[in-house]
Amino acid sequence: MKKALFAALVGGIAFTSCSTDDDSVIPTNKVDVPETYSFTRDEQSTVSFDGQTTRLLMAGDLTAGFMTPEATEEELSNMFSNENNPFSDEALNTSSKSVKSKVAASTLYFGSNTVESNAIKDTFESWITEQATEVFPNWEVLAEAGVAGQIAQGDKTRYVNAKGIELNQLFAKSLIGALLTDQILNNYLSQSVLDEGDNVENNNNAVTEEGKSYTTMEHKWDEAYGYLVGHPSVSGADPMISLSSNEDRLLFNYLQSVNSDSDFAGIAEETFEAFKVGRAAIVAGDYELRDEQVAIIRENLSLVSAVRAIHYLQGGKVAIQNEDMGAAFHELSEGLGFLYSLRFTHNPATGEPYLAPEVIFGFQEQLMAGNGFWDVTPETLDSISEAIATAFGITVAQAAE
């Protein structure tokens, strides 16, 4: 994390970059960084991310549906694609948005890679099908190797497929990567989206979208921000006040989890500050500063999936060693989802995921070999954890807390 830059920019600072030519000082763009993520033009707010809030609510309802055994495959699939009025909230039903349309849909990674994009969407659909046709019918059956059903974890009951996977956990944690991380890092914060067409010229001249108070570039940045802080229980203006108390169960929630680890303390505030400084830079037309913030955000939000993948794989290892398979399956299901999400990370030094897709797929195959979680060994979990840690420049011990 880029602590020096972060420390220099905290706290509503206005600063000016300049250059010297002989004895003259030529001022350039002045960047006014507000204390909160609040930006206005002509006394109207220019911040808008309603579409992201809608998709976060849809995703919450869909993942809850995975724990409703009365739900049908068609109903869950309709929630994924927002067809046939699947939600109890009519505002969601009438929205033109859907979760499925934005899964693996970033410009950078999938703009010319529709084959993989469609395959990823199909994978999410397959998890819906499996939950509805294999797990739900066995809701009252005791799970065993090769048989879906329920398994105890203390006084809790977990519901797993034939390989021991809690598909609700796998679906939700994979969505953190395939929807949120991908859209933030590889779509809305990409230069190809921010600077598309006349966006730079229009932003320089404060030309707003028709009937709106914001420029297109401002709005694209806000849409990225909305995928992180857009849940209604989170304060978009000052998300730090919502860290310990919110109803988000996706990326914002797990940024908080990583932030609470002493080895990564400060990552949340640094990320929110980078979003704020980057937005202020757009207002000022300082695109170099904007792109510096993009690099910080990409590094930090990518790290969330890596830390949580290792954390849960190691938690699963401990549970296996303690012969608590219910706990092991729960931890490993979350770990597998975050492992899947690593496909959508973005290393600012390379412009690519921190781990190649084929490497991630190989890890998944190791975890699913034979009877899956019923057969996985601590040695395999350690090996995968070490590989992830090495790719991200951290240690397993740091992430395992």
Protein backbone atom coordinates (compact mmCIF):
# COMPACT_ATOMS: atom_id res chain seq x y z
CA MET A 1 0.00 0.00 0.00
CA LYS A 2 1.24 3.45 -0.87
CA LYS A 3 1.30 4.94 2.63
CA ALA A 4 3.33 8.04 1.77
CA LEU A 5 0.88 9.24 -0.86
CA PHE A 6 -2.03 8.41 1.41
CA ALA A 7 -0.61 10.41 4.32
CA ALA A 8 0.02 13.40 2.11
CA LEU A 9 -3.53 13.57 0.84
CA VAL A 10 -5.65 12.92 3.92
CA GLY A 11 -8.00 15.54 5.23
CA GLY A 12 -9.55 17.90 2.72
CA ILE A 13 -6.28 19.30 1.41
CA ALA A 14 -6.12 21.63 -1.57
CA PHE A 15 -2.82 21.48 -3.40
CA THR A 16 -1.32 22.82 -6.61
CA SER A 17 1.26 21.21 -8.85
CA CYS A 18 3.54 23.58 -10.73
CA SER A 19 6.59 23.73 -12.96
CA THR A 20 9.32 26.33 -13.33
CA ASP A 21 10.63 27.89 -16.51
CA ASP A 22 13.44 30.38 -15.84
CA ASP A 23 12.07 32.58 -13.05
CA SER A 24 8.37 32.16 -13.81
CA VAL A 25 6.03 29.81 -11.97
CA ILE A 26 3.27 28.37 -14.10
CA PRO A 27 0.36 27.00 -12.04
CA THR A 28 -1.41 23.92 -13.30
CA ASN A 29 -4.45 22.11 -12.03
CA LYS A 30 -5.53 22.71 -8.46
CA VAL A 31 -6.98 19.64 -6.78
CA ASP A 32 -9.38 20.32 -3.92
CA VAL A 33 -9.88 17.12 -1.92
CA PRO A 34 -13.02 17.31 0.24
CA GLU A 35 -13.27 15.77 3.68
CA THR A 36 -15.94 13.33 2.49
CA TYR A 37 -16.90 11.82 -0.86
CA SER A 38 -19.18 14.76 -1.65
CA PHE A 39 -18.96 16.63 -4.95
CA THR A 40 -21.29 19.28 -6.33
CA ARG A 41 -21.82 21.46 -9.38
CA ASP A 42 -24.13 24.44 -9.26
CA GLU A 43 -25.15 23.35 -5.76
CA GLN A 44 -26.29 19.92 -7.03
CA SER A 45 -24.63 16.65 -6.10
CA THR A 46 -22.71 15.12 -8.97
CA VAL A 47 -22.36 11.72 -7.29
CA SER A 48 -24.65 8.95 -8.56
CA PHE A 49 -24.40 5.15 -8.39
CA ASP A 50 -28.02 3.98 -8.18
CA GLY A 51 -27.42 1.16 -10.66
CA GLN A 52 -24.74 -0.33 -8.45
CA THR A 53 -27.00 -0.18 -5.40
CA THR A 54 -29.66 -2.02 -7.39
CA ARG A 55 -27.29 -4.82 -8.36
CA LEU A 56 -25.99 -5.19 -4.81
CA LEU A 57 -29.56 -5.61 -3.57
CA MET A 58 -30.31 -8.13 -6.32
CA ALA A 59 -27.19 -10.09 -5.43
CA GLY A 60 -28.22 -10.14 -1.77
CA ASP A 61 -31.66 -11.50 -2.58
CA LEU A 62 -30.21 -14.10 -4.94
CA THR A 63 -27.68 -15.45 -2.45
CA ALA A 64 -30.42 -15.59 0.19
CA GLY A 65 -32.43 -17.66 -2.29
CA PHE A 66 -29.70 -20.32 -2.16
CA MET A 67 -30.84 -20.99 1.41
CA THR A 68 -34.54 -21.23 0.54
CA PRO A 69 -35.16 -24.91 -0.31
CA GLU A 70 -38.63 -24.11 -1.64
CA ALA A 71 -37.09 -22.02 -4.42
CA THR A 72 -36.95 -23.53 -7.88
CA GLU A 73 -34.11 -23.46 -10.37
CA GLU A 74 -36.20 -21.20 -12.59
CA GLU A 75 -36.82 -18.72 -9.77
CA LEU A 76 -33.14 -18.49 -8.86
CA SER A 77 -32.12 -18.21 -12.50
CA ASN A 78 -34.69 -15.45 -13.01
CA MET A 79 -33.17 -13.56 -10.09
CA PHE A 80 -29.73 -13.87 -11.70
CA SER A 81 -30.97 -12.41 -15.00
CA ASN A 82 -33.86 -10.29 -13.60
CA GLU A 83 -36.58 -11.88 -15.69
CA ASN A 84 -40.24 -12.60 -14.90
CA ASN A 85 -40.47 -10.38 -11.80
CA PRO A 86 -38.41 -12.59 -9.47
CA PHE A 87 -37.92 -10.14 -6.59
CA SER A 88 -40.22 -9.17 -3.74
CA ASP A 89 -39.13 -5.54 -4.25
CA GLU A 90 -40.99 -4.23 -7.28
CA ALA A 91 -38.33 -1.57 -7.81
CA LEU A 92 -35.86 -4.35 -8.56
CA ASN A 93 -38.28 -6.11 -10.90
CA THR A 94 -38.84 -2.97 -12.96
CA SER A 95 -35.15 -2.15 -13.16
CA SER A 96 -33.30 -2.64 -16.43
CA LYS A 97 -30.31 -3.93 -14.43
CA SER A 98 -29.34 -7.51 -13.68
CA VAL A 99 -26.52 -9.32 -11.93
CA LYS A 100 -25.83 -11.66 -14.83
CA SER A 101 -25.27 -8.92 -17.40
CA LYS A 102 -22.29 -7.56 -15.45
CA VAL A 103 -20.63 -10.85 -14.49
CA ALA A 104 -17.27 -11.16 -16.26
CA ALA A 105 -18.20 -8.15 -18.39
CA SER A 106 -15.30 -5.73 -17.96
CA THR A 107 -13.88 -3.91 -20.96
CA LEU A 108 -10.27 -4.80 -20.15
CA TYR A 109 -10.59 -8.52 -19.46
CA PHE A 110 -13.64 -9.54 -21.45
CA GLY A 111 -14.32 -6.87 -24.06
CA SER A 112 -12.81 -9.12 -26.73
CA ASN A 113 -13.05 -12.33 -24.74
CA THR A 114 -16.72 -13.23 -24.96
CA VAL A 115 -16.02 -16.97 -24.98
CA GLU A 116 -14.60 -16.92 -21.45
CA SER A 117 -17.16 -14.35 -20.33
CA ASN A 118 -20.02 -16.60 -21.41
CA ALA A 119 -18.33 -19.62 -19.85
CA ILE A 120 -18.09 -17.81 -16.51
CA LYS A 121 -21.75 -16.81 -16.66
CA ASP A 122 -22.59 -20.45 -17.43
CA THR A 123 -20.59 -21.53 -14.38
CA PHE A 124 -22.71 -19.31 -12.13
CA GLU A 125 -25.83 -20.73 -13.77
CA SER A 126 -24.54 -24.26 -13.13
CA TRP A 127 -24.21 -23.51 -9.42
CA ILE A 128 -27.84 -22.37 -9.40
CA THR A 129 -28.88 -25.58 -11.14
CA GLU A 130 -26.89 -27.76 -8.77
CA GLN A 131 -28.28 -26.07 -5.67
CA ALA A 132 -31.86 -26.43 -6.91
CA THR A 133 -31.65 -29.95 -8.31
CA GLU A 134 -29.14 -31.68 -6.00
CA VAL A 135 -28.85 -29.83 -2.70
CA PHE A 136 -32.47 -28.74 -2.17
CA PRO A 137 -33.90 -32.28 -2.71
CA ASN A 138 -31.41 -33.59 -0.10
CA TRP A 139 -32.08 -30.84 2.45
CA GLU A 140 -32.94 -33.38 5.17
CA VAL A 141 -30.38 -36.01 4.09
CA LEU A 142 -27.08 -36.45 5.95
CA ALA A 143 -24.23 -35.58 3.62
CA GLU A 144 -21.45 -38.02 2.92
CA ALA A 145 -18.71 -38.32 0.33
CA GLY A 146 -20.44 -38.29 -3.04
CA VAL A 147 -23.85 -37.43 -1.54
CA ALA A 148 -25.29 -33.93 -1.14
CA GLY A 149 -27.05 -33.03 2.09
CA GLN A 150 -26.61 -31.47 5.50
CA ILE A 151 -23.68 -31.59 7.87
CA ALA A 152 -23.38 -30.21 11.40
CA GLN A 153 -21.00 -27.49 12.51
CA GLY A 154 -21.59 -27.21 16.24
CA ASP A 155 -25.17 -26.02 16.64
CA LYS A 156 -25.30 -24.88 12.99
CA THR A 157 -26.31 -26.90 9.95
CA ARG A 158 -24.46 -26.56 6.67
CA TYR A 159 -25.86 -27.70 3.33
CA VAL A 160 -23.34 -29.04 0.84
CA ASN A 161 -23.15 -30.69 -2.55
CA ALA A 162 -21.61 -34.10 -3.21
CA LYS A 163 -18.08 -32.68 -2.96
CA GLY A 164 -18.73 -30.87 0.32
CA ILE A 165 -19.20 -27.38 -1.16
CA GLU A 166 -21.68 -24.92 0.30
CA LEU A 167 -22.81 -23.53 -3.04
CA ASN A 168 -24.31 -20.41 -1.46
CA GLN A 169 -20.87 -19.49 -0.12
CA LEU A 170 -19.11 -20.35 -3.37
CA PHE A 171 -21.61 -18.31 -5.40
CA ALA A 172 -21.42 -15.22 -3.16
CA LYS A 173 -17.65 -15.12 -2.78
CA SER A 174 -17.10 -15.76 -6.49
CA LEU A 175 -19.50 -12.91 -7.23
CA ILE A 176 -17.21 -10.58 -5.27
CA GLY A 177 -14.64 -11.17 -7.99
CA ALA A 178 -16.69 -11.78 -11.13
CA LEU A 179 -19.07 -8.87 -10.57
CA LEU A 180 -17.67 -6.31 -8.12
CA THR A 181 -13.89 -6.57 -8.45
CA ASP A 182 -14.07 -6.98 -12.21
CA GLN A 183 -16.39 -4.02 -12.72
CA ILE A 184 -14.42 -1.74 -10.40
CA LEU A 185 -10.85 -2.57 -11.39
CA ASN A 186 -11.15 -3.70 -14.98
CA ASN A 187 -14.07 -1.71 -16.26
CA TYR A 188 -15.01 1.61 -14.70
CA LEU A 189 -11.50 2.53 -13.53
CA SER A 190 -9.87 1.57 -16.83
CA GLN A 191 -8.60 4.33 -19.10
CA SER A 192 -10.56 2.79 -21.96
CA VAL A 193 -13.80 3.56 -20.08
CA LEU A 194 -12.83 6.76 -18.26
CA ASP A 195 -11.26 8.36 -21.35
CA GLU A 196 -13.56 6.88 -23.99
CA GLY A 197 -14.59 9.09 -26.90
CA ASP A 198 -14.92 12.75 -25.93
CA ASN A 199 -14.83 12.07 -22.17
CA VAL A 200 -11.57 13.93 -21.53
CA GLU A 201 -12.52 16.98 -23.59
CA ASN A 202 -16.00 17.10 -22.08
CA ASN A 203 -14.63 16.72 -18.58
CA ASN A 204 -12.08 19.49 -19.15
CA ASN A 205 -14.91 21.77 -20.25
CA ALA A 206 -17.42 20.62 -17.59
CA VAL A 207 -19.80 19.35 -20.27
CA THR A 208 -22.33 17.23 -18.37
CA GLU A 209 -24.49 14.37 -19.57
CA GLU A 210 -27.88 15.46 -20.85
CA GLY A 211 -30.17 16.33 -17.96
CA LYS A 212 -27.51 15.41 -15.38
CA SER A 213 -25.18 17.34 -13.12
CA TYR A 214 -22.12 15.15 -13.77
CA THR A 215 -19.69 14.61 -16.61
CA THR A 216 -19.42 11.13 -18.05
CA MET A 217 -15.96 10.63 -16.57
CA GLU A 218 -17.18 11.66 -13.11
CA HIS A 219 -20.07 9.24 -13.40
CA LYS A 220 -17.91 6.30 -14.49
CA TRP A 221 -15.67 6.84 -11.48
CA ASP A 222 -18.70 7.01 -9.18
CA GLU A 223 -20.06 3.77 -10.62
CA ALA A 224 -16.81 2.04 -9.67
CA TYR A 225 -17.12 3.50 -6.19
CA GLY A 226 -20.74 2.38 -5.98
CA TYR A 227 -19.86 -1.28 -6.41
CA LEU A 228 -17.84 -0.98 -3.20
CA VAL A 229 -20.01 1.31 -1.03
CA GLY A 230 -23.39 1.18 -2.75
CA HIS A 231 -25.29 -0.94 -0.24
CA PRO A 232 -27.98 1.22 1.44
CA SER A 233 -26.55 0.42 4.88
CA VAL A 234 -23.19 2.00 3.96
CA SER A 235 -22.46 5.73 4.04
CA GLY A 236 -21.19 6.59 0.60
CA ALA A 237 -19.99 10.00 1.76
CA ASP A 238 -17.99 8.63 4.70
CA PRO A 239 -17.77 4.83 4.46
CA MET A 240 -15.38 4.54 7.41
CA ILE A 241 -18.28 5.20 9.79
CA SER A 242 -20.05 2.14 8.35
CA LEU A 243 -17.15 -0.30 8.55
CA SER A 244 -18.18 -1.96 11.81
CA SER A 245 -21.94 -1.75 11.31
CA ASN A 246 -23.53 -2.48 7.95
CA GLU A 247 -25.59 -5.12 6.15
CA ASP A 248 -23.32 -5.54 3.15
CA ARG A 249 -22.15 -9.15 2.71
CA LEU A 250 -19.97 -8.68 -0.32
CA LEU A 251 -16.82 -6.66 -1.07
CA PHE A 252 -17.30 -3.85 1.47
CA ASN A 253 -17.79 -6.42 4.23
CA TYR A 254 -14.59 -8.26 3.38
CA LEU A 255 -12.56 -5.10 2.97
CA GLN A 256 -13.53 -4.49 6.59
CA SER A 257 -12.43 -8.02 7.52
CA VAL A 258 -8.99 -7.51 5.99
CA ASN A 259 -8.73 -4.05 7.54
CA SER A 260 -9.35 -5.55 10.99
CA ASP A 261 -6.26 -7.76 10.59
CA SER A 262 -3.35 -5.88 12.17
CA ASP A 263 -1.11 -6.85 9.25
CA PHE A 264 -3.37 -4.93 6.86
CA ALA A 265 -4.74 -2.20 9.12
CA GLY A 266 -5.44 1.00 7.22
CA ILE A 267 -6.24 -0.64 3.88
CA ALA A 268 -9.89 0.46 4.05
CA GLU A 269 -9.19 4.13 4.77
CA GLU A 270 -6.45 4.20 2.15
CA THR A 271 -8.82 2.74 -0.43
CA PHE A 272 -11.63 5.17 0.35
CA GLU A 273 -9.16 8.06 0.28
CA ALA A 274 -7.86 6.97 -3.11
CA PHE A 275 -11.41 6.96 -4.46
CA LYS A 276 -11.95 10.46 -3.07
CA VAL A 277 -8.64 11.89 -4.30
CA GLY A 278 -9.15 10.31 -7.71
CA ARG A 279 -12.61 11.87 -7.99
CA ALA A 280 -11.23 15.26 -6.98
CA ALA A 281 -8.48 14.85 -9.57
CA ILE A 282 -11.12 14.27 -12.25
CA VAL A 283 -12.86 17.50 -11.26
CA ALA A 284 -9.53 19.30 -11.58
CA GLY A 285 -8.58 17.54 -14.82
CA ASP A 286 -5.45 16.02 -13.26
CA TYR A 287 -5.47 12.63 -14.94
CA GLU A 288 -2.00 11.62 -13.81
CA LEU A 289 -3.09 11.93 -10.18
CA ARG A 290 -6.32 10.11 -11.02
CA ASP A 291 -4.43 7.17 -12.46
CA GLU A 292 -2.14 7.01 -9.42
CA GLN A 293 -5.26 6.46 -7.32
CA VAL A 294 -6.46 3.75 -9.71
CA ALA A 295 -3.24 1.83 -9.05
CA ILE A 296 -3.77 2.06 -5.28
CA ILE A 297 -7.36 0.85 -5.56
CA ARG A 298 -6.42 -2.02 -7.86
CA GLU A 299 -3.70 -3.19 -5.51
CA ASN A 300 -5.82 -2.95 -2.37
CA LEU A 301 -9.05 -4.49 -3.64
CA SER A 302 -7.14 -7.31 -5.34
CA LEU A 303 -5.46 -8.01 -2.02
CA VAL A 304 -8.84 -8.51 -0.34
CA SER A 305 -9.56 -11.66 -2.35
CA ALA A 306 -6.04 -13.00 -1.81
CA VAL A 307 -6.05 -12.48 1.95
CA ARG A 308 -9.49 -13.99 2.40
CA ALA A 309 -8.71 -16.96 0.13
CA ILE A 310 -5.67 -17.81 2.24
CA HIS A 311 -7.54 -17.10 5.48
CA TYR A 312 -10.32 -19.55 4.65
CA LEU A 313 -8.08 -22.24 3.17
CA GLN A 314 -6.01 -22.17 6.34
CA GLY A 315 -9.16 -22.18 8.48
CA GLY A 316 -10.31 -25.24 6.58
CA LYS A 317 -6.97 -26.93 7.18
CA VAL A 318 -7.23 -26.40 10.93
CA ALA A 319 -10.80 -27.72 10.96
CA ILE A 320 -9.75 -30.85 9.05
CA GLN A 321 -6.98 -31.44 11.54
CA ASN A 322 -9.57 -31.08 14.32
CA GLU A 323 -11.86 -33.51 12.47
CA ASP A 324 -14.63 -30.91 12.33
CA MET A 325 -15.77 -31.45 8.76
CA GLY A 326 -18.78 -29.13 8.99
CA ALA A 327 -16.48 -26.24 9.87
CA ALA A 328 -13.94 -27.36 7.28
CA PHE A 329 -16.50 -27.40 4.47
CA HIS A 330 -17.78 -23.97 5.45
CA GLU A 331 -14.30 -22.43 5.49
CA LEU A 332 -13.20 -24.16 2.30
CA SER A 333 -16.36 -23.14 0.43
CA GLU A 334 -15.63 -19.50 1.17
CA GLY A 335 -11.97 -20.02 0.32
CA LEU A 336 -12.86 -21.61 -3.02
CA GLY A 337 -15.05 -18.62 -3.86
CA PHE A 338 -12.29 -16.14 -3.11
CA LEU A 339 -9.87 -18.33 -5.04
CA TYR A 340 -12.25 -18.09 -8.00
CA SER A 341 -12.30 -14.30 -7.51
CA LEU A 342 -8.54 -14.09 -8.00
CA ARG A 343 -9.22 -14.39 -11.75
CA PHE A 344 -10.55 -10.83 -11.66
CA THR A 345 -7.77 -9.15 -9.69
CA HIS A 346 -5.59 -6.54 -11.37
CA ASN A 347 -1.88 -6.12 -10.74
CA PRO A 348 -1.12 -2.46 -11.59
CA ALA A 349 2.48 -3.42 -12.40
CA THR A 350 1.44 -5.87 -15.14
CA GLY A 351 -2.12 -4.97 -16.11
CA GLU A 352 -3.12 -8.60 -15.57
CA PRO A 353 -4.44 -10.79 -12.74
CA TYR A 354 -1.89 -11.55 -10.01
CA LEU A 355 -2.23 -15.24 -10.87
CA ALA A 356 -2.82 -16.54 -14.39
CA PRO A 357 -6.29 -18.01 -15.00
CA GLU A 358 -4.82 -21.42 -15.80
CA VAL A 359 -2.97 -21.45 -12.48
CA ILE A 360 -6.17 -20.62 -10.59
CA PHE A 361 -8.02 -23.31 -12.51
CA GLY A 362 -5.31 -25.78 -11.56
CA PHE A 363 -5.81 -24.96 -7.88
CA GLN A 364 -9.54 -25.53 -8.26
CA GLU A 365 -8.89 -28.93 -9.83
CA GLN A 366 -6.67 -29.89 -6.90
CA LEU A 367 -9.40 -28.99 -4.42
CA MET A 368 -12.07 -30.85 -6.39
CA ALA A 369 -10.09 -34.02 -7.10
CA GLY A 370 -11.79 -37.25 -6.03
CA ASN A 371 -14.51 -36.45 -3.52
CA GLY A 372 -13.45 -32.84 -3.23
CA PHE A 373 -13.41 -31.39 0.26
CA TRP A 374 -13.98 -34.87 1.72
CA ASP A 375 -10.54 -35.85 0.40
CA VAL A 376 -8.50 -32.63 0.40
CA THR A 377 -5.35 -32.69 2.53
CA PRO A 378 -3.67 -30.04 4.70
CA GLU A 379 -0.63 -30.30 2.46
CA THR A 380 -2.66 -29.27 -0.59
CA LEU A 381 -4.19 -26.35 1.28
CA ASP A 382 -0.76 -25.18 2.42
CA SER A 383 0.65 -25.45 -1.10
CA ILE A 384 -2.12 -23.36 -2.63
CA SER A 385 -1.97 -20.82 0.20
CA GLU A 386 1.77 -20.37 -0.25
CA ALA A 387 1.40 -19.85 -4.00
CA ILE A 388 -1.23 -17.14 -3.50
CA ALA A 389 0.82 -15.41 -0.81
CA THR A 390 3.93 -15.39 -3.00
CA ALA A 391 2.02 -13.87 -5.93
CA PHE A 392 0.79 -11.02 -3.74
CA GLY A 393 4.00 -10.44 -1.78
CA ILE A 394 2.54 -11.38 1.59
CA THR A 395 2.91 -14.38 3.92
CA VAL A 396 0.44 -17.10 4.78
CA ALA A 397 0.83 -16.22 8.46
CA GLN A 398 -0.24 -12.63 7.79
CA ALA A 399 -3.40 -13.66 5.96
CA ALA A 400 -4.34 -16.59 8.19
CA GLU A 401 -5.25 -14.45 11.24
